């Protein structure tokens, strides 16, 4: 699995709050974002079925 980069624009208040949540969970902000994305995808797939993607 290739690791890709993603730029994200986020206001400073939201970023600060993300850091608080991540610190509370014992994670980096990056790890916390990945967990949130994974949870979002799982929730979507529960409702709409598995997402099939081309593996490029």
N, C-alpha and C. Protein backbone atom coordinates (compact mmCIF):
# COMPACT_ATOMS: atom_id res chain seq x y z
N UNK A 1 0.85 -1.18 0.00
CA UNK A 1 0.00 0.00 0.00
C UNK A 1 0.89 1.24 0.00
N UNK A 2 0.69 2.08 -0.98
CA UNK A 2 1.45 3.33 -1.07
C UNK A 2 0.85 4.35 -0.11
N UNK A 3 1.70 5.12 0.51
CA UNK A 3 1.26 6.19 1.40
C UNK A 3 1.22 7.47 0.58
N UNK A 4 0.10 8.15 0.58
CA UNK A 4 -0.08 9.40 -0.16
C UNK A 4 -0.18 10.56 0.81
N UNK A 5 0.13 11.74 0.32
CA UNK A 5 0.00 12.96 1.11
C UNK A 5 -1.29 13.67 0.73
N UNK A 6 -1.84 14.40 1.68
CA UNK A 6 -3.06 15.16 1.46
C UNK A 6 -2.92 16.49 2.18
N UNK A 7 -3.09 17.57 1.45
CA UNK A 7 -3.11 18.89 2.09
C UNK A 7 -4.50 19.14 2.61
N UNK A 8 -4.56 19.81 3.74
CA UNK A 8 -5.85 20.07 4.37
C UNK A 8 -5.87 21.50 4.86
N UNK A 9 -6.90 22.22 4.51
CA UNK A 9 -7.09 23.57 5.02
C UNK A 9 -8.06 23.49 6.18
N UNK A 10 -7.62 23.99 7.33
CA UNK A 10 -8.41 23.90 8.55
C UNK A 10 -8.15 25.14 9.38
N UNK A 11 -9.21 25.72 9.95
CA UNK A 11 -8.98 26.92 10.75
C UNK A 11 -8.30 26.56 12.06
N UNK A 12 -7.63 27.53 12.65
CA UNK A 12 -6.77 27.25 13.81
C UNK A 12 -7.57 26.76 15.02
N UNK A 13 -8.78 27.22 15.22
CA UNK A 13 -9.58 26.75 16.35
C UNK A 13 -9.89 25.26 16.21
N UNK A 14 -10.30 24.85 15.01
CA UNK A 14 -10.61 23.44 14.80
C UNK A 14 -9.36 22.58 14.93
N UNK A 15 -8.23 23.07 14.40
CA UNK A 15 -6.98 22.33 14.52
C UNK A 15 -6.57 22.18 15.98
N UNK A 16 -6.70 23.23 16.75
CA UNK A 16 -6.37 23.15 18.18
C UNK A 16 -7.26 22.14 18.89
N UNK A 17 -8.54 22.13 18.54
CA UNK A 17 -9.46 21.16 19.15
C UNK A 17 -9.11 19.73 18.73
N UNK A 18 -8.71 19.56 17.48
CA UNK A 18 -8.28 18.24 17.01
C UNK A 18 -7.09 17.76 17.82
N UNK A 19 -6.14 18.64 18.09
CA UNK A 19 -4.97 18.27 18.88
C UNK A 19 -5.36 17.87 20.30
N UNK A 20 -6.34 18.54 20.88
CA UNK A 20 -6.81 18.18 22.23
C UNK A 20 -7.40 16.77 22.22
N UNK A 21 -8.26 16.50 21.24
CA UNK A 21 -8.88 15.17 21.14
C UNK A 21 -7.82 14.10 20.90
N UNK A 22 -6.90 14.36 19.99
CA UNK A 22 -5.84 13.40 19.67
C UNK A 22 -4.97 13.13 20.89
N UNK A 23 -4.59 14.19 21.61
CA UNK A 23 -3.79 14.02 22.82
C UNK A 23 -4.54 13.18 23.86
N UNK A 24 -5.83 13.44 24.01
CA UNK A 24 -6.64 12.68 24.96
C UNK A 24 -6.66 11.20 24.60
N UNK A 25 -6.71 10.91 23.30
CA UNK A 25 -6.74 9.52 22.82
C UNK A 25 -5.35 8.91 22.73
N UNK A 26 -4.31 9.71 23.01
CA UNK A 26 -2.94 9.20 22.95
C UNK A 26 -2.43 9.01 21.53
N UNK A 27 -2.91 9.86 20.63
CA UNK A 27 -2.55 9.74 19.23
C UNK A 27 -2.00 11.06 18.71
N UNK A 28 -1.36 11.00 17.56
CA UNK A 28 -1.00 12.21 16.84
C UNK A 28 -2.25 12.72 16.12
N UNK A 29 -2.20 13.97 15.71
CA UNK A 29 -3.31 14.53 14.95
C UNK A 29 -3.50 13.74 13.65
N UNK A 30 -2.39 13.37 13.00
CA UNK A 30 -2.48 12.59 11.77
C UNK A 30 -3.19 11.25 12.01
N UNK A 31 -2.81 10.55 13.06
CA UNK A 31 -3.46 9.26 13.37
C UNK A 31 -4.93 9.45 13.68
N UNK A 32 -5.26 10.52 14.38
CA UNK A 32 -6.66 10.80 14.71
C UNK A 32 -7.46 11.05 13.44
N UNK A 33 -6.92 11.80 12.50
CA UNK A 33 -7.61 12.06 11.24
C UNK A 33 -7.82 10.76 10.48
N UNK A 34 -6.81 9.89 10.44
CA UNK A 34 -6.96 8.61 9.73
C UNK A 34 -8.06 7.76 10.35
N UNK A 35 -8.17 7.77 11.67
CA UNK A 35 -9.23 7.01 12.34
C UNK A 35 -10.59 7.60 12.00
N UNK A 36 -10.71 8.91 11.97
CA UNK A 36 -11.98 9.55 11.62
C UNK A 36 -12.38 9.21 10.18
N UNK A 37 -11.40 9.22 9.27
CA UNK A 37 -11.69 8.87 7.88
C UNK A 37 -12.11 7.41 7.78
N UNK A 38 -11.39 6.52 8.45
CA UNK A 38 -11.73 5.10 8.43
C UNK A 38 -13.15 4.87 8.96
N UNK A 39 -13.49 5.54 10.08
CA UNK A 39 -14.82 5.38 10.66
C UNK A 39 -15.91 5.89 9.71
N UNK A 40 -15.62 6.99 9.02
CA UNK A 40 -16.56 7.54 8.05
C UNK A 40 -16.81 6.57 6.90
N UNK A 41 -15.73 5.98 6.40
CA UNK A 41 -15.85 5.01 5.30
C UNK A 41 -16.63 3.78 5.75
N UNK A 42 -16.32 3.27 6.95
CA UNK A 42 -17.05 2.11 7.46
C UNK A 42 -18.54 2.40 7.59
N UNK A 43 -18.89 3.57 8.08
CA UNK A 43 -20.30 3.95 8.24
C UNK A 43 -20.97 4.05 6.87
N UNK A 44 -20.29 4.64 5.90
CA UNK A 44 -20.83 4.74 4.54
C UNK A 44 -21.08 3.35 3.96
N UNK A 45 -20.08 2.45 4.11
CA UNK A 45 -20.20 1.11 3.54
C UNK A 45 -21.29 0.30 4.22
N UNK A 46 -21.52 0.52 5.50
CA UNK A 46 -22.62 -0.18 6.18
C UNK A 46 -23.96 0.19 5.55
N UNK A 47 -24.09 1.44 5.15
CA UNK A 47 -25.35 1.93 4.59
C UNK A 47 -25.47 1.65 3.10
N UNK A 48 -24.36 1.77 2.34
CA UNK A 48 -24.41 1.73 0.88
C UNK A 48 -23.71 0.54 0.25
N UNK A 49 -23.04 -0.27 1.04
CA UNK A 49 -22.29 -1.39 0.48
C UNK A 49 -20.83 -1.03 0.29
N UNK A 50 -20.05 -2.08 0.09
CA UNK A 50 -18.60 -1.93 -0.03
C UNK A 50 -18.22 -1.05 -1.21
N UNK A 51 -17.28 -0.17 -0.97
CA UNK A 51 -16.75 0.69 -2.03
C UNK A 51 -15.66 -0.09 -2.76
N UNK A 52 -15.82 -0.23 -4.06
CA UNK A 52 -14.82 -0.89 -4.88
C UNK A 52 -13.99 0.18 -5.57
N UNK A 53 -12.67 0.09 -5.42
CA UNK A 53 -11.77 1.08 -6.04
C UNK A 53 -10.72 0.37 -6.87
N UNK A 54 -10.25 1.05 -7.89
CA UNK A 54 -9.14 0.52 -8.69
C UNK A 54 -7.86 0.70 -7.89
N UNK A 55 -7.03 -0.31 -7.85
CA UNK A 55 -5.78 -0.25 -7.12
C UNK A 55 -4.67 0.17 -8.07
N UNK A 56 -4.49 1.49 -8.19
CA UNK A 56 -3.45 2.04 -9.07
C UNK A 56 -2.22 2.37 -8.30
